[in-house]
Amino acid sequence: MASCLIYSTAWAQSDANAWLERMNQAIKTLNYEMSFVIIQNDKADPWRWFHGTIDGQEREILTSLNGPGQQLIRKGDTLTYLQPEQTAYSIKDTVSHGPLPEILRADLQQIKASYVAHLMGKSRVAGLPARLIRVIAKDDNRYNYWLWLHEKTGLLLKAAIVSRAGEILEQLQVSHLQVTNEASDILHEIHQADLPEAFTIKNSAPIKAVDWDINWMPNGFEPVKVDRHYLFGRKQLVDYVMLSDGVVWFSVYLRRTDGEDQIPSAALSSGANSYLTKKINQAEVTVIGKIPLKTAEKLISSIRWE
């Protein structure tokens, strides 16, 4: 009986991983139009998503339907950010600062390193048949992910970021999905458009590039960006480190202070997002990202100076 249970569990995990791989490929290769809503706390943000391939290259546009009209455009590995009354800019980067969860494009091996996927039951989302995949973290230093995938295409229909206690912290809910044979006209317009020239974000500078060190970080996380820059509009340097496990990323900022500066500690959780600021020696340290607050606290407490 025990051997049958083990075999059944292993089969379910293998099948779940196959669904995740299918999702990853579908997201990148199919032509589709999708409307979805991001739900966090009592706030709902609607988005429109066009995706397709033209001449073998990905073309994508994500448009916020509320507020001034934020847009994110993808042309291959180049991401362009457009916001009214702000200068548009393009970057070559593997991380997008948009509404979609990073797990959609995450490498399967990176997912398997820190999470275990389970194939659950069938359901319907937006009137379409779906399969539920639960991606469970191997420790309590990160959140779990529930993904409802379209049975026919493997595309995402619904996603939830879930705490260890089972609380749903943030949701993505698709309301409309249309898969087409050809990329939409708006993507062909983007294909021909002149967008700002892209600059490259420096990836994986060694953490030793700064004179302090993080002595503890969750298993599987590693620095993917390290730099030192001036705060916007101020002549004050801040050290910046982005940590990622391939599925989620979060940021650490360290700003040196005068000994007399009074910096109150601040801790805030909003949906899946955590914000924590503390004074450590002669510096203000801030952690921001979709991780549990206690993970941020443990990381800040581990910072040491060389």
Protein backbone atom coordinates (compact mmCIF):
# COMPACT_ATOMS: atom_id res chain seq x y z
CA MET A 1 0.00 0.00 0.00
CA ALA A 2 2.81 2.41 0.95
CA SER A 3 4.70 1.68 -2.28
CA CYS A 4 1.54 2.42 -4.31
CA LEU A 5 1.14 5.76 -2.52
CA ILE A 6 4.77 6.71 -3.20
CA TYR A 7 4.39 5.75 -6.87
CA SER A 8 1.16 7.75 -7.15
CA THR A 9 2.76 10.84 -5.57
CA ALA A 10 5.84 10.63 -7.81
CA TRP A 11 3.62 10.27 -10.90
CA ALA A 12 1.52 13.28 -9.88
CA GLN A 13 4.68 15.40 -9.41
CA SER A 14 6.09 14.29 -12.77
CA ASP A 15 2.81 15.08 -14.49
CA ALA A 16 2.64 18.45 -12.71
CA ASN A 17 6.15 19.32 -13.93
CA ALA A 18 5.08 18.44 -17.47
CA TRP A 19 2.18 20.91 -17.12
CA LEU A 20 4.56 23.63 -15.88
CA GLU A 21 6.84 23.04 -18.87
CA ARG A 22 3.83 23.18 -21.17
CA MET A 23 2.73 26.47 -19.58
CA ASN A 24 6.21 27.94 -20.01
CA GLN A 25 6.27 27.09 -23.72
CA ALA A 26 2.67 28.20 -24.33
CA ILE A 27 3.27 31.59 -22.70
CA LYS A 28 6.26 32.22 -25.00
CA THR A 29 5.14 30.74 -28.32
CA LEU A 30 1.37 31.02 -28.80
CA ASN A 31 -0.55 33.94 -30.29
CA TYR A 32 -3.24 35.12 -27.89
CA GLU A 33 -5.22 37.99 -26.45
CA MET A 34 -6.10 37.92 -22.77
CA SER A 35 -7.92 40.13 -20.27
CA PHE A 36 -7.17 39.62 -16.60
CA VAL A 37 -7.48 41.24 -13.20
CA ILE A 38 -4.89 41.39 -10.41
CA ILE A 39 -6.66 41.17 -7.04
CA GLN A 40 -4.85 42.21 -3.87
CA ASN A 41 -6.62 43.09 -0.64
CA ASP A 42 -9.69 45.09 -1.72
CA LYS A 43 -8.08 46.38 -4.91
CA ALA A 44 -8.62 44.99 -8.42
CA ASP A 45 -6.43 46.13 -11.34
CA PRO A 46 -7.59 45.14 -14.86
CA TRP A 47 -5.05 44.47 -17.64
CA ARG A 48 -5.11 43.59 -21.34
CA TRP A 49 -2.41 41.26 -22.71
CA PHE A 50 -1.52 40.72 -26.36
CA HIS A 51 1.17 38.16 -27.20
CA GLY A 52 2.49 36.61 -30.39
CA THR A 53 5.50 35.64 -32.43
CA ILE A 54 6.58 37.54 -35.57
CA ASP A 55 9.56 36.35 -37.60
CA GLY A 56 10.34 33.90 -34.81
CA GLN A 57 10.59 36.67 -32.18
CA GLU A 58 8.29 37.29 -29.22
CA ARG A 59 6.14 40.40 -29.34
CA GLU A 60 4.02 41.36 -26.36
CA ILE A 61 2.14 44.30 -24.94
CA LEU A 62 0.61 44.55 -21.47
CA THR A 63 -1.68 47.53 -20.84
CA SER A 64 -3.15 48.67 -17.54
CA LEU A 65 -6.81 49.58 -18.06
CA ASN A 66 -7.10 51.75 -14.94
CA GLY A 67 -5.32 55.00 -14.22
CA PRO A 68 -3.08 56.83 -16.69
CA GLY A 69 -2.39 53.80 -18.92
CA GLN A 70 0.87 52.09 -18.05
CA GLN A 71 2.24 49.79 -20.77
CA LEU A 72 4.95 47.16 -20.95
CA ILE A 73 6.19 46.07 -24.38
CA ARG A 74 8.37 43.04 -25.15
CA LYS A 75 10.38 42.71 -28.35
CA GLY A 76 12.48 39.57 -27.99
CA ASP A 77 14.64 40.07 -24.89
CA THR A 78 14.03 43.84 -24.79
CA LEU A 79 11.42 45.32 -22.43
CA THR A 80 10.07 48.83 -22.92
CA TYR A 81 8.19 50.69 -20.17
CA LEU A 82 5.72 53.44 -21.12
CA GLN A 83 3.96 55.74 -18.68
CA PRO A 84 2.23 59.07 -19.36
CA GLU A 85 4.28 62.15 -18.45
CA GLN A 86 7.40 60.02 -18.00
CA THR A 87 10.25 59.31 -20.37
CA ALA A 88 9.93 55.89 -22.00
CA TYR A 89 12.89 53.56 -21.61
CA SER A 90 13.96 50.12 -22.82
CA ILE A 91 16.14 47.54 -21.11
CA LYS A 92 17.53 44.13 -21.90
CA ASP A 93 16.63 42.13 -18.82
CA THR A 94 15.42 38.72 -17.69
CA VAL A 95 13.17 40.18 -14.97
CA SER A 96 10.08 42.20 -15.89
CA HIS A 97 8.63 44.71 -13.46
CA GLY A 98 5.06 44.05 -14.53
CA PRO A 99 1.83 42.44 -13.32
CA LEU A 100 2.60 38.84 -14.30
CA PRO A 101 4.11 36.39 -11.77
CA GLU A 102 7.70 35.45 -12.62
CA ILE A 103 6.87 31.75 -12.27
CA LEU A 104 5.22 31.88 -15.71
CA ARG A 105 8.63 32.17 -17.39
CA ALA A 106 10.70 30.42 -14.73
CA ASP A 107 13.03 27.58 -15.71
CA LEU A 108 11.62 24.23 -14.57
CA GLN A 109 14.88 23.19 -12.92
CA GLN A 110 14.87 26.37 -10.82
CA ILE A 111 11.29 25.68 -9.79
CA LYS A 112 12.14 22.10 -8.81
CA ALA A 113 15.13 23.29 -6.72
CA SER A 114 12.95 25.15 -4.20
CA TYR A 115 9.39 23.95 -4.82
CA VAL A 116 7.45 20.74 -5.33
CA ALA A 117 4.63 20.73 -7.90
CA HIS A 118 1.46 18.68 -7.41
CA LEU A 119 -1.20 18.00 -10.01
CA MET A 120 -4.61 18.49 -8.45
CA GLY A 121 -8.16 18.25 -9.82
CA LYS A 122 -10.01 19.71 -12.77
CA SER A 123 -12.13 22.85 -12.67
CA ARG A 124 -13.47 25.64 -14.87
CA VAL A 125 -12.09 29.17 -15.05
CA ALA A 126 -13.59 31.89 -17.26
CA GLY A 127 -15.83 29.19 -18.72
CA LEU A 128 -12.84 27.09 -19.83
CA PRO A 129 -11.65 23.66 -18.59
CA ALA A 130 -8.59 23.95 -16.38
CA ARG A 131 -6.12 21.84 -14.40
CA LEU A 132 -4.90 23.02 -11.01
CA ILE A 133 -1.16 22.80 -10.26
CA ARG A 134 -0.06 23.59 -6.73
CA VAL A 135 3.58 24.67 -6.50
CA ILE A 136 4.54 24.23 -2.85
CA ALA A 137 7.66 25.79 -1.33
CA LYS A 138 10.09 23.39 0.33
CA ASP A 139 10.50 25.80 3.27
CA ASP A 140 8.54 28.60 4.94
CA ASN A 141 10.82 31.38 3.67
CA ARG A 142 8.76 31.88 0.49
CA TYR A 143 5.17 31.59 -0.65
CA ASN A 144 3.29 28.85 -2.49
CA TYR A 145 1.72 29.24 -5.93
CA TRP A 146 -1.53 27.79 -7.26
CA LEU A 147 -1.86 27.80 -11.03
CA TRP A 148 -4.97 26.96 -13.07
CA LEU A 149 -3.93 26.09 -16.64
CA HIS A 150 -6.11 25.81 -19.73
CA GLU A 151 -6.45 22.13 -20.61
CA LYS A 152 -6.31 22.74 -24.36
CA THR A 153 -3.38 25.19 -24.59
CA GLY A 154 -1.57 25.16 -21.24
CA LEU A 155 -2.02 28.94 -20.90
CA LEU A 156 -2.61 30.47 -17.49
CA LEU A 157 -6.25 31.09 -16.55
CA LYS A 158 -5.81 31.89 -12.87
CA ALA A 159 -2.98 32.19 -10.33
CA ALA A 160 -2.80 32.68 -6.59
CA ILE A 161 0.07 33.44 -4.24
CA VAL A 162 -0.68 31.54 -1.04
CA SER A 163 0.85 31.70 2.43
CA ARG A 164 2.04 28.66 4.35
CA ALA A 165 -1.19 28.85 6.36
CA GLY A 166 -3.28 28.65 3.18
CA GLU A 167 -4.26 32.33 3.01
CA ILE A 168 -4.63 33.68 -0.53
CA LEU A 169 -2.51 36.84 -0.64
CA GLU A 170 -2.78 37.83 -4.29
CA GLN A 171 -4.69 36.53 -7.32
CA LEU A 172 -4.62 36.83 -11.07
CA GLN A 173 -7.98 36.00 -12.69
CA VAL A 174 -8.44 35.75 -16.47
CA SER A 175 -11.84 36.90 -17.77
CA HIS A 176 -11.25 36.51 -21.50
CA LEU A 177 -8.88 34.38 -23.60
CA GLN A 178 -8.65 34.16 -27.37
CA VAL A 179 -5.97 32.07 -29.09
CA THR A 180 -5.34 32.88 -32.76
CA ASN A 181 -3.32 31.47 -35.63
CA GLU A 182 -1.60 34.79 -36.33
CA ALA A 183 -0.28 37.60 -34.16
CA SER A 184 -2.73 40.50 -33.74
CA ASP A 185 -2.47 43.76 -35.70
CA ILE A 186 -1.34 45.69 -32.62
CA LEU A 187 1.69 43.39 -32.29
CA HIS A 188 2.60 43.99 -35.94
CA GLU A 189 2.48 47.73 -35.21
CA ILE A 190 4.86 47.20 -32.28
CA HIS A 191 7.08 45.09 -34.53
CA GLN A 192 7.49 48.09 -36.85
CA ALA A 193 7.63 50.77 -34.13
CA ASP A 194 10.77 52.68 -33.20
CA LEU A 195 11.16 52.25 -29.46
CA PRO A 196 13.85 53.74 -27.18
CA GLU A 197 17.25 52.14 -27.57
CA ALA A 198 17.74 49.44 -24.97
CA PHE A 199 20.44 49.48 -22.33
CA THR A 200 21.61 46.41 -20.47
CA ILE A 201 21.08 45.94 -16.74
CA LYS A 202 24.27 44.61 -15.19
CA ASN A 203 23.57 41.13 -13.92
CA SER A 204 25.29 39.25 -11.15
CA ALA A 205 28.00 41.62 -10.07
CA PRO A 206 29.61 39.84 -7.12
CA ILE A 207 28.13 40.64 -3.74
CA LYS A 208 31.69 41.56 -2.76
CA ALA A 209 31.24 44.68 -4.92
CA VAL A 210 29.86 46.24 -1.73
CA ASP A 211 31.59 46.43 1.65
CA TRP A 212 28.89 44.53 3.54
CA ASP A 213 27.59 41.02 3.29
CA ILE A 214 24.34 39.08 3.70
CA ASN A 215 25.24 36.11 5.88
CA TRP A 216 21.85 34.44 5.48
CA MET A 217 19.44 34.18 2.60
CA PRO A 218 16.82 31.52 1.86
CA ASN A 219 18.07 28.39 0.13
CA GLY A 220 18.01 28.79 -3.64
CA PHE A 221 18.20 32.58 -3.62
CA GLU A 222 21.26 34.28 -5.04
CA PRO A 223 22.23 37.82 -6.07
CA VAL A 224 21.29 38.56 -9.67
CA LYS A 225 21.94 42.31 -9.56
CA VAL A 226 24.31 44.32 -7.40
CA ASP A 227 25.05 48.01 -7.84
CA ARG A 228 25.60 51.33 -6.08
CA HIS A 229 23.72 54.37 -7.35
CA TYR A 230 22.44 57.76 -6.28
CA LEU A 231 18.91 58.08 -4.99
CA PHE A 232 16.65 59.77 -7.51
CA GLY A 233 16.82 63.53 -7.04
CA ARG A 234 19.28 63.29 -4.13
CA LYS A 235 23.06 63.27 -3.82
CA GLN A 236 23.08 60.20 -1.63
CA LEU A 237 24.43 56.77 -2.52
CA VAL A 238 22.48 53.59 -1.93
CA ASP A 239 23.64 50.00 -2.35
CA TYR A 240 21.19 47.75 -4.17
CA VAL A 241 21.01 43.94 -4.29
CA MET A 242 18.33 41.91 -6.08
CA LEU A 243 17.95 38.31 -4.90
CA SER A 244 16.07 35.65 -6.87
CA ASP A 245 15.33 31.92 -6.75
CA GLY A 246 14.16 31.99 -10.36
CA VAL A 247 10.51 32.13 -9.32
CA VAL A 248 10.35 35.29 -7.23
CA TRP A 249 12.72 38.17 -6.62
CA PHE A 250 13.07 40.76 -3.88
CA SER A 251 15.25 43.83 -3.32
CA VAL A 252 17.62 44.92 -0.56
CA TYR A 253 18.60 48.59 -0.25
CA LEU A 254 21.30 49.87 2.11
CA ARG A 255 21.77 53.60 2.70
CA ARG A 256 24.54 54.91 4.91
CA THR A 257 23.44 57.46 7.52
CA ASP A 258 24.91 59.97 9.95
CA GLY A 259 25.23 58.72 13.47
CA GLU A 260 22.61 61.20 14.68
CA ASP A 261 19.96 60.18 12.15
CA GLN A 262 16.83 58.81 13.79
CA ILE A 263 15.48 56.03 11.64
CA PRO A 264 12.36 54.34 12.97
CA SER A 265 11.80 50.71 12.08
CA ALA A 266 8.86 50.06 9.75
CA ALA A 267 7.22 46.78 8.80
CA LEU A 268 4.30 46.41 6.42
CA SER A 269 2.63 43.52 4.62
CA SER A 270 0.13 44.19 1.86
CA GLY A 271 -1.12 41.12 0.09
CA ALA A 272 1.98 39.18 -0.96
CA ASN A 273 4.24 42.23 -0.69
CA SER A 274 6.41 42.86 2.35
CA TYR A 275 8.21 46.08 3.26
CA LEU A 276 10.71 46.22 6.11
CA THR A 277 13.10 49.01 7.13
CA LYS A 278 15.57 48.86 10.02
CA LYS A 279 18.67 50.72 11.15
CA ILE A 280 21.68 48.41 11.30
CA ASN A 281 24.80 50.09 12.70
CA GLN A 282 25.24 53.27 10.64
CA ALA A 283 22.91 52.30 7.82
CA GLU A 284 19.25 52.12 6.91
CA VAL A 285 18.41 48.74 5.39
CA THR A 286 15.16 48.14 3.47
CA VAL A 287 13.80 44.90 2.03
CA ILE A 288 10.92 44.95 -0.47
CA GLY A 289 9.32 42.03 -2.31
CA LYS A 290 6.87 39.14 -2.42
CA ILE A 291 8.32 37.20 0.51
CA PRO A 292 7.11 36.60 4.08
CA LEU A 293 7.92 39.42 6.48
CA LYS A 294 9.82 37.05 8.78
CA THR A 295 12.11 36.14 5.87
CA ALA A 296 12.95 39.82 5.41
CA GLU A 297 13.58 40.20 9.15
CA LYS A 298 15.93 37.23 9.26
CA LEU A 299 17.87 38.49 6.26
CA ILE A 300 18.31 42.02 7.61
CA SER A 301 19.50 40.62 10.95
CA SER A 302 22.24 38.65 9.15
CA ILE A 303 23.89 41.69 7.48
CA ARG A 304 27.49 42.24 8.54
CA TRP A 305 30.21 44.68 7.53
CA GLU A 306 33.61 43.53 6.34
